[in-house]
């Protein structure tokens, strides 16, 4: 279970005016209402898969918060700060980079918030 807490998936969404990136543990689900609120959008939705390459420069399964075509606002699930290191995609499917959360947040100008669905 701890291994799954260290692997973070990268999702790209569209707000009212801008694209948004969020990173959360692979075992968790995003809470769209929480993300909309913290990103100051009325609503957010996942972008169509076909648009991922043109927006980020990455293909599905290889989307990394690091090195996107354009700098997008990036939100991290707050639990990331509890980890010594985190694993995120390195830009190609099946390839990962292991990095300290603080370095990842710094290099992406990330914002740490609560964006996952509460467990019932």
C-alpha atoms as a PDB file:
ATOM      1  CA  UNK A   1       0.000   0.000   0.000  1.00  0.00           C
ATOM      2  CA  UNK A   2       2.855   2.392   0.809  1.00  0.00           C
ATOM      3  CA  UNK A   3       4.218   1.849  -2.710  1.00  0.00           C
ATOM      4  CA  UNK A   4       0.924   3.106  -4.209  1.00  0.00           C
ATOM      5  CA  UNK A   5       1.067   6.205  -1.997  1.00  0.00           C
ATOM      6  CA  UNK A   6       4.433   7.114  -3.553  1.00  0.00           C
ATOM      7  CA  UNK A   7       3.294   6.892  -7.190  1.00  0.00           C
ATOM      8  CA  UNK A   8       1.491  10.010  -8.354  1.00  0.00           C
ATOM      9  CA  UNK A   9      -0.558  10.222 -11.541  1.00  0.00           C
ATOM     10  CA  UNK A  10      -0.729  13.410 -13.578  1.00  0.00           C
ATOM     11  CA  UNK A  11      -4.132  14.556 -14.822  1.00  0.00           C
ATOM     12  CA  UNK A  12      -4.875  17.485 -17.112  1.00  0.00           C
ATOM     13  CA  UNK A  13      -8.166  19.326 -16.803  1.00  0.00           C
ATOM     14  CA  UNK A  14      -9.827  22.359 -18.269  1.00  0.00           C
ATOM     15  CA  UNK A  15     -11.171  25.118 -16.087  1.00  0.00           C
ATOM     16  CA  UNK A  16     -13.300  28.017 -17.261  1.00  0.00           C
ATOM     17  CA  UNK A  17     -10.346  29.940 -18.713  1.00  0.00           C
ATOM     18  CA  UNK A  18      -7.278  27.734 -18.436  1.00  0.00           C
ATOM     19  CA  UNK A  19      -5.844  24.239 -18.386  1.00  0.00           C
ATOM     20  CA  UNK A  20      -4.913  22.810 -15.004  1.00  0.00           C
ATOM     21  CA  UNK A  21      -2.600  19.983 -14.003  1.00  0.00           C
ATOM     22  CA  UNK A  22      -3.091  17.942 -10.871  1.00  0.00           C
ATOM     23  CA  UNK A  23      -1.024  15.171  -9.343  1.00  0.00           C
ATOM     24  CA  UNK A  24      -2.427  12.704  -6.862  1.00  0.00           C
ATOM     25  CA  UNK A  25      -1.705   9.157  -5.655  1.00  0.00           C
ATOM     26  CA  UNK A  26      -2.630   6.508  -8.229  1.00  0.00           C
ATOM     27  CA  UNK A  27      -4.961   4.863  -5.718  1.00  0.00           C
ATOM     28  CA  UNK A  28      -7.035   8.032  -5.205  1.00  0.00           C
ATOM     29  CA  UNK A  29      -9.763   9.757  -7.211  1.00  0.00           C
ATOM     30  CA  UNK A  30      -9.846  13.458  -7.963  1.00  0.00           C
ATOM     31  CA  UNK A  31     -12.635  15.539  -6.468  1.00  0.00           C
ATOM     32  CA  UNK A  32     -13.609  17.926  -9.270  1.00  0.00           C
ATOM     33  CA  UNK A  33     -15.505  20.239  -6.933  1.00  0.00           C
ATOM     34  CA  UNK A  34     -12.514  20.616  -4.604  1.00  0.00           C
ATOM     35  CA  UNK A  35     -10.190  21.285  -7.547  1.00  0.00           C
ATOM     36  CA  UNK A  36     -12.595  23.837  -9.024  1.00  0.00           C
ATOM     37  CA  UNK A  37     -12.768  25.668  -5.706  1.00  0.00           C
ATOM     38  CA  UNK A  38      -9.008  25.787  -5.038  1.00  0.00           C
ATOM     39  CA  UNK A  39      -8.265  26.775  -8.649  1.00  0.00           C
ATOM     40  CA  UNK A  40     -10.935  29.505  -8.532  1.00  0.00           C
ATOM     41  CA  UNK A  41     -12.971  27.986 -11.361  1.00  0.00           C
ATOM     42  CA  UNK A  42     -16.727  27.552 -11.461  1.00  0.00           C
ATOM     43  CA  UNK A  43     -16.119  24.024 -12.739  1.00  0.00           C
ATOM     44  CA  UNK A  44     -13.345  21.792 -14.094  1.00  0.00           C
ATOM     45  CA  UNK A  45     -13.414  18.743 -16.331  1.00  0.00           C
ATOM     46  CA  UNK A  46     -10.929  16.273 -17.723  1.00  0.00           C
ATOM     47  CA  UNK A  47      -9.649  17.190 -21.180  1.00  0.00           C
ATOM     48  CA  UNK A  48     -10.387  14.777 -24.031  1.00  0.00           C
ATOM     49  CA  UNK A  49      -7.562  12.248 -24.416  1.00  0.00           C
ATOM     50  CA  UNK A  50      -7.060  13.315 -28.051  1.00  0.00           C
ATOM     51  CA  UNK A  51      -6.090  16.832 -26.878  1.00  0.00           C
ATOM     52  CA  UNK A  52      -3.409  15.731 -24.403  1.00  0.00           C
ATOM     53  CA  UNK A  53      -0.472  15.763 -26.847  1.00  0.00           C
ATOM     54  CA  UNK A  54      -1.240  19.205 -28.270  1.00  0.00           C
ATOM     55  CA  UNK A  55      -1.710  20.745 -24.802  1.00  0.00           C
ATOM     56  CA  UNK A  56       1.143  19.082 -22.891  1.00  0.00           C
ATOM     57  CA  UNK A  57       3.495  17.525 -25.425  1.00  0.00           C
ATOM     58  CA  UNK A  58       2.910  14.127 -23.801  1.00  0.00           C
ATOM     59  CA  UNK A  59       0.951  11.024 -24.803  1.00  0.00           C
ATOM     60  CA  UNK A  60      -1.511   9.270 -22.471  1.00  0.00           C
ATOM     61  CA  UNK A  61       0.312   7.184 -19.889  1.00  0.00           C
ATOM     62  CA  UNK A  62       3.415   9.346 -20.131  1.00  0.00           C
ATOM     63  CA  UNK A  63       2.150  12.718 -18.974  1.00  0.00           C
ATOM     64  CA  UNK A  64       4.603  14.300 -16.545  1.00  0.00           C
ATOM     65  CA  UNK A  65       4.113  17.455 -14.485  1.00  0.00           C
ATOM     66  CA  UNK A  66       7.699  18.327 -15.441  1.00  0.00           C
ATOM     67  CA  UNK A  67       8.545  19.800 -18.845  1.00  0.00           C
ATOM     68  CA  UNK A  68       5.142  20.414 -20.399  1.00  0.00           C
ATOM     69  CA  UNK A  69       4.937  22.496 -23.590  1.00  0.00           C
ATOM     70  CA  UNK A  70       3.462  25.394 -21.631  1.00  0.00           C
ATOM     71  CA  UNK A  71       3.714  26.116 -17.937  1.00  0.00           C
ATOM     72  CA  UNK A  72       0.331  25.217 -16.462  1.00  0.00           C
ATOM     73  CA  UNK A  73      -0.880  25.717 -12.903  1.00  0.00           C
ATOM     74  CA  UNK A  74      -0.089  22.476 -11.113  1.00  0.00           C
ATOM     75  CA  UNK A  75      -1.831  21.252  -7.967  1.00  0.00           C
ATOM     76  CA  UNK A  76      -0.553  18.439  -5.740  1.00  0.00           C
ATOM     77  CA  UNK A  77      -2.522  16.406  -3.245  1.00  0.00           C
ATOM     78  CA  UNK A  78      -1.329  17.565   0.175  1.00  0.00           C
ATOM     79  CA  UNK A  79      -0.300  14.044   1.269  1.00  0.00           C
ATOM     80  CA  UNK A  80       2.744  14.420  -1.004  1.00  0.00           C
ATOM     81  CA  UNK A  81       4.495  16.393   1.756  1.00  0.00           C
ATOM     82  CA  UNK A  82       4.469  13.301   4.001  1.00  0.00           C
ATOM     83  CA  UNK A  83       6.725  11.400   1.573  1.00  0.00           C
ATOM     84  CA  UNK A  84      10.506  11.288   1.372  1.00  0.00           C
ATOM     85  CA  UNK A  85      10.294  10.828  -2.393  1.00  0.00           C
ATOM     86  CA  UNK A  86       7.609  10.476  -5.014  1.00  0.00           C
ATOM     87  CA  UNK A  87       7.455   8.750  -8.388  1.00  0.00           C
ATOM     88  CA  UNK A  88       5.917  10.586 -11.365  1.00  0.00           C
ATOM     89  CA  UNK A  89       5.946   9.895 -15.075  1.00  0.00           C
ATOM     90  CA  UNK A  90       9.164  10.818 -16.851  1.00  0.00           C
ATOM     91  CA  UNK A  91       7.399  11.648 -20.123  1.00  0.00           C
ATOM     92  CA  UNK A  92       7.013   8.187 -21.669  1.00  0.00           C
ATOM     93  CA  UNK A  93       4.706   5.351 -20.710  1.00  0.00           C
ATOM     94  CA  UNK A  94       6.436   3.046 -18.235  1.00  0.00           C
ATOM     95  CA  UNK A  95       9.211   5.498 -17.379  1.00  0.00           C
ATOM     96  CA  UNK A  96       9.263   7.305 -14.037  1.00  0.00           C
ATOM     97  CA  UNK A  97      11.416   9.787 -12.200  1.00  0.00           C
ATOM     98  CA  UNK A  98      11.878   9.576  -8.447  1.00  0.00           C
ATOM     99  CA  UNK A  99      12.156  13.005  -6.885  1.00  0.00           C
ATOM    100  CA  UNK A 100      11.672  14.648  -3.518  1.00  0.00           C
ATOM    101  CA  UNK A 101       8.252  16.268  -3.196  1.00  0.00           C
ATOM    102  CA  UNK A 102       9.805  19.645  -2.378  1.00  0.00           C
ATOM    103  CA  UNK A 103      11.956  19.573  -5.528  1.00  0.00           C
ATOM    104  CA  UNK A 104       8.972  18.525  -7.671  1.00  0.00           C
ATOM    105  CA  UNK A 105       6.786  21.280  -6.249  1.00  0.00           C
ATOM    106  CA  UNK A 106       9.574  23.821  -6.690  1.00  0.00           C
ATOM    107  CA  UNK A 107      10.373  22.934 -10.315  1.00  0.00           C
ATOM    108  CA  UNK A 108       6.694  23.098 -11.325  1.00  0.00           C
ATOM    109  CA  UNK A 109       5.730  26.061  -9.113  1.00  0.00           C
ATOM    110  CA  UNK A 110       3.210  23.655  -7.615  1.00  0.00           C
ATOM    111  CA  UNK A 111       0.399  24.409  -5.212  1.00  0.00           C
ATOM    112  CA  UNK A 112      -0.268  21.901  -2.413  1.00  0.00           C
ATOM    113  CA  UNK A 113      -3.963  21.409  -1.602  1.00  0.00           C
ATOM    114  CA  UNK A 114      -6.589  18.759  -0.840  1.00  0.00           C
ATOM    115  CA  UNK A 115      -7.982  17.591  -4.207  1.00  0.00           C
ATOM    116  CA  UNK A 116      -8.971  13.966  -3.634  1.00  0.00           C
ATOM    117  CA  UNK A 117     -12.352  12.462  -2.912  1.00  0.00           C
ATOM    118  CA  UNK A 118     -12.926  11.750   0.736  1.00  0.00           C
ATOM    119  CA  UNK A 119     -13.054   8.076   1.566  1.00  0.00           C
ATOM    120  CA  UNK A 120     -16.333   6.919   3.007  1.00  0.00           C
END
